[in-house]
Protein backbone atom coordinates (compact mmCIF):
# COMPACT_ATOMS: atom_id res chain seq x y z
CA MET A 1 -16.62 19.66 23.53
CA LEU A 2 -16.01 18.47 19.99
CA LEU A 3 -19.01 20.49 18.81
CA ALA A 4 -17.56 23.70 20.25
CA ALA A 5 -14.08 22.94 18.93
CA SER A 6 -15.52 22.11 15.49
CA TYR A 7 -17.32 25.44 15.29
CA ILE A 8 -14.29 27.46 16.37
CA MET A 9 -12.06 25.64 13.91
CA GLY A 10 -14.51 26.29 11.06
CA ALA A 11 -14.87 29.96 12.03
CA GLU A 12 -11.19 30.71 12.70
CA VAL A 13 -10.31 32.19 9.31
CA PHE A 14 -13.63 34.06 9.11
CA PHE A 15 -13.00 35.59 12.54
CA ARG A 16 -9.48 36.59 11.51
CA MET A 17 -10.83 38.05 8.29
CA THR A 18 -13.35 40.23 10.13
CA LYS A 19 -10.92 41.02 13.00
CA ALA A 20 -13.25 39.39 15.54
CA PHE A 21 -10.41 37.75 17.49
CA VAL A 22 -8.62 39.55 20.31
CA LEU A 23 -5.46 37.56 19.60
CA TYR A 24 -4.34 36.30 16.20
CA GLU A 25 -3.98 32.72 17.49
CA SER A 26 -7.25 32.80 19.49
CA GLY A 27 -8.77 30.10 17.29
CA LYS A 28 -6.08 27.55 18.15
CA TYR A 29 -6.14 28.52 21.82
CA ALA A 30 -9.92 28.08 21.96
CA VAL A 31 -9.74 24.65 20.31
CA ILE A 32 -7.05 23.61 22.78
CA LEU A 33 -9.11 24.90 25.73
CA PHE A 34 -12.29 23.05 24.70
CA LEU A 35 -10.42 19.79 24.15
CA LEU A 36 -8.60 20.11 27.48
CA LEU A 37 -11.98 20.58 29.16
CA GLY A 38 -13.18 17.49 27.30
CA MET A 39 -10.23 15.50 28.62
CA PHE A 40 -10.90 16.73 32.16
CA TYR A 41 -14.57 15.70 32.14
CA GLN A 42 -14.49 12.72 29.75
CA GLY A 43 -10.95 11.41 30.05
CA PHE A 44 -8.77 10.00 27.28
CA LYS A 45 -7.27 6.68 26.19
CA ARG A 46 -4.05 5.59 27.84
CA LYS A 47 -2.68 4.62 24.42
CA SER A 48 -2.91 8.26 23.32
CA MET A 49 0.14 9.02 25.49
CA ILE A 50 2.22 8.42 22.38
CA TYR A 51 1.22 11.95 21.42
CA VAL A 52 2.61 13.25 24.71
CA ILE A 53 5.96 11.92 23.49
CA TYR A 54 5.36 13.84 20.24
CA LEU A 55 4.91 17.06 22.23
CA LEU A 56 7.96 16.37 24.39
CA LEU A 57 10.10 15.97 21.27
CA LEU A 58 9.36 19.62 20.43
CA ILE A 59 10.77 21.00 23.71
CA PRO A 60 14.53 20.81 22.90
CA GLY A 61 13.91 23.06 19.90
CA ILE A 62 12.61 25.72 22.30
CA TYR A 63 15.86 25.59 24.28
CA ILE A 64 18.00 25.78 21.12
CA SER A 65 16.03 28.83 20.06
CA TYR A 66 16.51 30.34 23.53
CA LEU A 67 20.29 30.05 23.19
CA ASP A 68 20.40 31.84 19.81
CA PHE A 69 17.60 34.34 20.29
CA SER A 70 18.02 38.10 20.45
CA PHE A 71 16.08 39.23 23.50
CA GLY A 72 15.25 42.53 21.87
CA ASP A 73 12.62 40.55 20.01
CA LYS A 74 9.42 39.03 21.40
CA TYR A 75 10.59 35.55 22.35
CA ARG A 76 7.37 34.29 23.96
CA GLN A 77 5.18 35.39 21.04
CA MET A 78 7.56 33.80 18.55
CA ILE A 79 7.52 30.45 20.36
CA LEU A 80 3.74 30.43 20.72
CA PHE A 81 3.24 31.46 17.09
CA ASN A 82 5.39 28.60 15.81
CA LEU A 83 4.27 25.90 18.23
CA SER A 84 0.56 26.71 18.61
CA GLY A 85 -0.23 24.52 15.58
CA PRO A 86 1.75 21.45 16.74
CA LEU A 87 0.40 21.92 20.27
CA CYS A 88 -3.16 22.05 18.95
CA LEU A 89 -2.52 18.88 16.96
CA GLY A 90 -1.10 17.06 19.98
CA ILE A 91 -4.06 17.98 22.21
CA ALA A 92 -6.59 17.07 19.49
CA ALA A 93 -4.88 13.72 18.94
CA ILE A 94 -4.76 12.87 22.67
CA TYR A 95 -8.45 13.66 23.10
CA CYS A 96 -9.68 11.91 19.94
CA TYR A 97 -7.42 8.88 19.78
CA GLU A 98 -9.65 5.78 19.50
CA ARG A 99 -12.55 7.63 21.15
CA THR A 100 -15.84 6.12 20.00
CA VAL A 101 -18.64 8.41 18.82
CA TYR A 102 -21.88 7.69 16.99
CA PHE A 103 -21.88 8.44 13.30
CA LYS A 104 -24.83 10.81 13.59
CA ASP A 105 -22.88 12.81 16.19
CA PHE A 106 -19.87 12.87 13.89
CA LEU A 107 -22.04 14.36 11.15
CA LYS A 108 -23.01 17.09 13.62
CA TYR A 109 -19.34 17.93 14.07
CA LEU A 110 -19.04 18.32 10.30
CA ASN A 111 -22.15 20.53 10.24
CA TYR A 112 -20.67 22.79 12.90
CA ILE A 113 -17.55 23.17 10.76
CA VAL A 114 -19.57 24.03 7.67
CA TYR A 115 -21.93 26.61 9.21
CA PRO A 116 -19.27 29.33 9.70
CA LEU A 117 -17.79 28.46 6.30
CA ILE A 118 -21.15 29.24 4.74
CA ALA A 119 -21.17 32.57 6.59
CA MET A 120 -17.65 33.28 5.31
CA THR A 121 -18.71 32.47 1.75
CA VAL A 122 -21.61 34.92 1.95
CA TYR A 123 -19.25 37.56 3.37
CA VAL A 124 -16.73 36.98 0.56
CA PHE A 125 -19.47 37.32 -2.06
CA PHE A 126 -20.58 40.68 -0.68
CA TYR A 127 -17.00 41.85 -0.09
CA ASN A 128 -16.42 41.70 -3.82
CA ILE A 129 -19.43 41.20 -6.05
CA ASP A 130 -17.82 42.29 -9.32
CA VAL A 131 -14.95 39.83 -9.70
CA GLN A 132 -13.87 41.07 -13.13
CA SER A 133 -13.07 44.53 -11.78
CA VAL A 134 -10.35 43.27 -9.40
CA ILE A 135 -8.75 40.41 -11.37
CA THR A 136 -5.65 41.75 -13.11
CA GLY A 137 -3.32 38.74 -13.16
CA THR A 138 -2.98 35.09 -12.28
CA ALA A 139 -1.49 35.46 -8.79
CA SER A 140 -3.59 34.55 -5.76
CA THR A 141 -5.36 37.66 -4.52
CA SER A 142 -7.00 38.86 -1.32
CA ALA A 143 -9.42 40.93 -3.42
CA THR A 144 -11.53 37.82 -4.04
CA SER A 145 -10.79 36.32 -0.61
CA GLY A 146 -12.61 38.78 1.63
CA GLY A 147 -9.54 40.98 1.98
CA TYR A 148 -7.64 38.22 3.74
CA GLY A 149 -4.94 35.68 2.85
CA PRO A 150 -6.13 33.63 -0.14
CA ASN A 151 -4.11 30.58 0.93
CA GLN A 152 -5.95 30.19 4.23
CA VAL A 153 -9.32 31.13 2.73
CA ALA A 154 -8.93 28.59 -0.09
CA THR A 155 -7.87 25.92 2.42
CA MET A 156 -11.02 26.39 4.50
CA LEU A 157 -13.33 26.70 1.49
CA GLY A 158 -11.76 23.55 0.08
CA LEU A 159 -12.53 21.76 3.34
CA GLY A 160 -16.11 23.04 3.08
CA MET A 161 -16.28 21.71 -0.48
CA PHE A 162 -15.33 18.26 0.70
CA ILE A 163 -17.66 18.16 3.70
CA LEU A 164 -20.68 19.24 1.65
CA TYR A 165 -19.72 16.80 -1.11
CA SER A 166 -19.69 14.02 1.48
CA ARG A 167 -23.20 15.09 2.48
CA PHE A 168 -24.17 14.94 -1.19
CA LEU A 169 -23.38 11.23 -1.05
CA ILE A 170 -24.73 10.89 2.51
CA PRO A 171 -27.76 13.17 2.14
CA TYR A 172 -29.48 15.21 4.83
CA GLN A 173 -32.80 13.72 5.92
CA ASN A 174 -34.61 17.01 5.35
CA LYS A 175 -34.90 17.49 1.57
CA LEU A 176 -35.17 21.27 1.76
CA LEU A 177 -32.06 21.45 3.94
CA HIS A 178 -30.27 19.12 1.55
CA PHE A 179 -31.14 21.36 -1.42
CA VAL A 180 -29.92 24.47 0.41
CA MET A 181 -26.65 22.81 1.40
CA MET A 182 -26.02 21.65 -2.17
CA PHE A 183 -26.55 25.23 -3.33
CA PHE A 184 -23.84 26.32 -0.90
CA LEU A 185 -21.62 23.50 -2.15
CA VAL A 186 -21.69 25.14 -5.57
CA ALA A 187 -21.16 28.62 -4.10
CA ILE A 188 -18.24 27.54 -1.90
CA SER A 189 -16.60 25.68 -4.79
CA TYR A 190 -16.81 28.74 -7.04
CA ARG A 191 -15.37 31.11 -4.44
CA ALA A 192 -12.56 28.66 -3.61
CA ILE A 193 -11.53 28.52 -7.26
CA ILE A 194 -11.45 32.28 -7.83
CA THR A 195 -9.18 32.93 -4.84
CA PHE A 196 -6.53 31.86 -7.39
CA SER A 197 -4.90 29.88 -4.57
CA ARG A 198 -4.62 26.39 -6.01
CA GLY A 199 -3.50 24.46 -2.94
CA GLY A 200 -6.84 24.40 -1.12
CA VAL A 201 -8.71 23.38 -4.27
CA PHE A 202 -6.28 20.62 -5.20
CA VAL A 203 -6.47 19.22 -1.67
CA ALA A 204 -10.28 19.27 -1.81
CA VAL A 205 -10.27 17.43 -5.15
CA ALA A 206 -7.90 14.79 -3.75
CA MET A 207 -10.13 14.30 -0.69
CA ILE A 208 -13.24 14.04 -2.85
CA GLY A 209 -11.56 11.45 -5.04
CA ILE A 210 -10.44 9.18 -2.21
CA PHE A 211 -13.74 9.54 -0.33
CA THR A 212 -15.67 8.62 -3.48
CA LEU A 213 -13.56 5.49 -3.86
CA VAL A 214 -14.04 4.47 -0.21
CA TYR A 215 -17.77 5.19 -0.38
CA PHE A 216 -18.17 3.17 -3.59
CA LEU A 217 -16.25 0.20 -2.16
CA TYR A 218 -18.37 -0.04 0.99
CA ALA A 219 -21.75 1.11 -0.33
CA SER A 220 -24.61 -1.30 -0.90
CA ALA A 221 -25.64 -2.34 -4.41
CA LYS A 222 -28.61 0.03 -4.22
CA ALA A 223 -26.39 2.95 -3.17
CA LYS A 224 -23.94 2.19 -5.99
CA PHE A 225 -26.79 2.30 -8.50
CA ARG A 226 -27.92 5.68 -7.17
CA PHE A 227 -24.36 6.94 -7.32
CA SER A 228 -24.35 6.54 -11.11
CA TYR A 229 -27.06 9.22 -11.32
CA LYS A 230 -25.27 11.42 -8.80
CA PHE A 231 -22.06 11.15 -10.79
CA ILE A 232 -23.77 12.70 -13.80
CA ALA A 233 -24.96 15.58 -11.61
CA ILE A 234 -21.40 16.00 -10.27
CA LEU A 235 -19.93 16.26 -13.77
CA GLY A 236 -22.59 18.79 -14.76
CA ALA A 237 -21.93 20.91 -11.67
CA VAL A 238 -18.15 20.85 -12.20
CA PHE A 239 -18.56 21.95 -15.82
CA ALA A 240 -20.96 24.76 -14.85
CA ILE A 241 -18.78 26.06 -11.99
CA TRP A 242 -15.59 26.01 -14.03
CA SER A 243 -17.27 27.67 -17.02
CA TYR A 244 -18.64 30.44 -14.83
CA ALA A 245 -15.22 30.93 -13.22
CA ILE A 246 -13.67 31.30 -16.68
CA LEU A 247 -16.35 33.82 -17.66
CA THR A 248 -15.97 35.98 -14.54
CA THR A 249 -12.14 36.01 -14.69
CA ASP A 250 -11.84 36.55 -18.46
CA GLY A 251 -10.12 33.18 -18.78
CA LEU A 252 -7.30 34.01 -16.34
CA ILE A 253 -8.33 31.20 -14.02
CA THR A 254 -7.39 28.72 -16.75
CA ASN A 255 -3.95 30.30 -17.02
CA ARG A 256 -3.55 30.05 -13.25
CA TYR A 257 -4.29 26.34 -13.13
CA THR A 258 -2.10 25.62 -16.16
CA ASN A 259 0.83 27.57 -14.59
CA LYS A 260 0.77 30.49 -17.04
CA ASP A 261 0.89 34.24 -16.51
CA SER A 262 -1.80 36.70 -17.60
CA LEU A 263 -0.35 36.76 -21.14
CA GLY A 264 -0.43 32.98 -21.44
CA ARG A 265 3.33 32.45 -21.03
CA GLU A 266 4.54 29.39 -19.14
CA LYS A 267 5.90 30.20 -15.68
CA ALA A 268 9.34 28.86 -14.82
CA ASP A 269 8.55 27.89 -11.21
CA VAL A 270 5.37 25.92 -10.64
CA THR A 271 5.96 26.02 -6.87
CA THR A 272 5.84 29.86 -6.72
CA GLY A 273 9.07 30.03 -4.71
CA ARG A 274 8.34 27.18 -2.30
CA ALA A 275 11.09 24.98 -3.77
CA ARG A 276 13.73 27.54 -2.69
CA LEU A 277 12.38 27.46 0.85
CA LEU A 278 12.41 23.65 0.85
CA ASP A 279 16.06 23.62 -0.24
CA ALA A 280 16.91 26.08 2.53
CA ASP A 281 15.12 23.91 5.10
CA LEU A 282 17.13 20.87 4.02
CA GLU A 283 20.37 22.86 4.15
CA ALA A 284 19.53 24.01 7.69
CA PHE A 285 18.86 20.39 8.66
CA ALA A 286 22.20 19.33 7.21
CA GLU A 287 23.97 21.98 9.27
CA SER A 288 22.16 21.08 12.53
CA PRO A 289 20.94 17.49 12.11
CA ILE A 290 20.43 16.56 15.78
CA PHE A 291 18.48 19.39 17.43
CA GLY A 292 17.88 21.68 14.44
CA VAL A 293 18.30 25.45 14.33
CA GLY A 294 15.60 26.05 16.97
CA VAL A 295 11.93 26.95 17.00
CA GLY A 296 11.18 29.95 14.79
CA GLN A 297 14.82 30.37 13.72
CA ILE A 298 14.33 29.16 10.15
CA LYS A 299 12.96 32.59 9.22
CA GLY A 300 16.29 34.15 10.23
CA TYR A 301 18.08 31.44 8.26
CA TYR A 302 16.07 32.46 5.17
CA ALA A 303 17.12 36.08 5.70
CA GLU A 304 20.79 35.06 5.74
CA THR A 305 20.81 32.56 2.87
CA LEU A 306 17.94 33.64 0.61
CA ASP A 307 17.65 37.33 1.50
CA THR A 308 13.94 36.91 2.22
CA THR A 309 11.74 36.86 5.33
CA ILE A 310 8.85 34.95 3.77
CA PRO A 311 7.57 32.28 6.21
CA THR A 312 7.91 28.61 5.37
CA HIS A 313 4.93 26.87 3.76
CA ASN A 314 6.04 23.29 4.41
CA GLU A 315 5.56 22.02 7.96
CA ILE A 316 7.47 18.80 7.34
CA SER A 317 10.64 20.49 6.10
CA ARG A 318 10.27 23.09 8.88
CA MET A 319 10.20 20.29 11.47
CA LEU A 320 13.43 18.93 10.01
CA ALA A 321 15.12 22.33 9.95
CA GLU A 322 14.01 23.54 13.39
CA HIS A 323 13.94 20.24 15.34
CA GLY A 324 16.45 18.07 13.48
CA LEU A 325 16.42 14.33 14.23
CA LEU A 326 13.83 14.86 16.98
CA GLY A 327 11.57 16.37 14.33
CA ILE A 328 11.88 13.20 12.27
CA PHE A 329 10.82 11.10 15.27
CA ALA A 330 7.88 13.44 15.86
CA LEU A 331 6.78 13.14 12.22
CA LEU A 332 7.05 9.33 12.39
CA ILE A 333 4.69 9.34 15.38
CA LEU A 334 2.20 11.49 13.47
CA GLY A 335 2.39 9.30 10.37
CA ILE A 336 2.49 5.80 11.84
CA THR A 337 0.14 6.05 14.85
CA PRO A 338 -3.11 6.72 12.92
CA LEU A 339 -2.31 3.92 10.46
CA VAL A 340 -1.74 1.47 13.31
CA SER A 341 -5.04 2.53 14.86
CA LYS A 342 -6.84 2.12 11.53
CA PHE A 343 -5.44 -1.33 10.83
CA ARG A 344 -6.49 -2.47 14.29
CA GLY A 345 -10.05 -2.26 13.03
CA ARG A 346 -11.09 1.29 13.97
CA LYS A 347 -13.99 2.32 11.75
CA ASN A 348 -14.01 5.78 10.22
CA ILE A 349 -15.14 6.32 6.63
CA PHE A 350 -13.52 9.77 6.75
CA PHE A 351 -10.11 8.47 7.88
CA PHE A 352 -8.30 8.52 4.52
CA PRO A 353 -9.62 11.89 3.23
CA PHE A 354 -8.97 13.54 6.60
CA ILE A 355 -5.43 12.19 6.97
CA LEU A 356 -4.84 13.30 3.38
CA PHE A 357 -6.12 16.80 4.21
CA TRP A 358 -3.70 17.04 7.12
CA LEU A 359 -0.72 15.86 5.10
CA LEU A 360 -1.31 17.92 1.95
CA THR A 361 -2.29 21.05 3.86
CA ILE A 362 0.85 21.12 6.00
CA LEU A 363 2.88 20.62 2.82
CA HIS A 364 1.55 23.76 1.09
CA SER A 365 0.25 25.93 3.94
CA SER A 366 2.09 24.77 7.07
CA MET A 367 -0.02 24.90 10.29
CA ARG A 368 -0.98 28.56 10.42
CA ILE A 369 -4.60 27.64 11.17
CA ALA A 370 -6.20 25.06 13.45
CA ALA A 371 -7.84 23.10 10.63
CA PRO A 372 -5.09 20.54 9.80
CA ALA A 373 -4.47 19.88 13.50
CA PHE A 374 -8.14 19.40 14.39
CA ILE A 375 -8.96 17.37 11.27
CA TYR A 376 -6.03 15.10 12.12
CA GLY A 377 -7.70 14.51 15.48
CA LEU A 378 -11.06 13.72 13.87
CA CYS A 379 -9.51 11.01 11.71
CA LEU A 380 -8.50 9.18 14.92
CA LEU A 381 -12.10 8.78 16.09
CA ASN A 382 -13.78 5.40 16.00
CA LEU A 383 -17.27 5.72 14.50
CA ARG A 384 -20.18 3.54 15.61
CA TYR A 385 -22.66 3.22 12.78
CA GLU A 386 -25.38 1.13 14.41
CA LYS A 387 -28.31 2.87 16.07
CA GLU A 388 -28.37 3.52 19.79
CA ASN A 389 -30.52 1.11 21.76
CA SER A 390 -33.67 2.43 23.37
CA ARG A 391 -32.25 2.41 26.92
CA LEU A 392 -29.32 4.65 26.01
CA HIS A 393 -31.63 6.91 24.03
CA ARG A 394 -33.91 7.35 27.07
CA GLU A 395 -30.94 8.12 29.26
């Protein structure tokens, strides 16, 4: 079931981009369905019930929202839209918590995430071949993101960057396949950069950095020696990709990443308005510290206090505003439980980059897609690196 869920998660933004989904949240619903089927047929750890408590802590916010909601609006859709991400995370965590899988199977899960991302990259290339003709400023743009939201596209392409980088250090056995995948690593990295959405790229760079450190610490002496040659190739590729991005955007990409406008002037707000939303979330929490303002009600709070209906980008501050003290307890469960599992000796070389992806992504892009929820679940897996014995292989 993890293979199916991995593929759907990797394809979610691509399917939204091409309007292949019947429902906007179909990706999250499909991931939830596959993992529920996995729990039904394969079971789950009793210790994972801590995440049931996490889900229960979200219920009072639904009732608070029910009390304040105008029934002329679509109440059910609003609740599902705002809680589909947390629900997906809870189900993924319950299914994956301390579940043991073989490392080679785990790599298959990563492959199934990458395949649709490669398809999306090809689509984005053909959607807009002449980048220079559509770049007019330094704001993130859907023109270079396949006509879809650059934030979500950059997030998924950034995840693809990291996964393929990890396979650069842990190479494919087939050399031709390895060469093809490294070509797509370069292509995905370039397209992620020119979305002009910095969050997904910064998260990918942070994941790459921490994974490189973990890999170097645990690698053999022979692997460390080989890494010195690979590091030179990495620096060369980074220089080439960035230089080409500068060339195709007439240097505007440099202004974007140095927080300048198209004329080279320093922008006053590096957060592009997110700081105002964060302040509003904290004010809402101060006004309703116990149960919060209710699920989905923070958008109305923005309309009253900030005169804007822009959705929140920070899942942590949203949890505080909409769920109050119960939201804090829910966040503590999400933050402490994986660390406790890790320090008990659970082996997962991807634990730290994946938990970092979840945390940084919900800080800049909330949980609008299934990726942070599902990746959080994957970091809870226990990986078995030794080979299967012959009896199990025959079975």
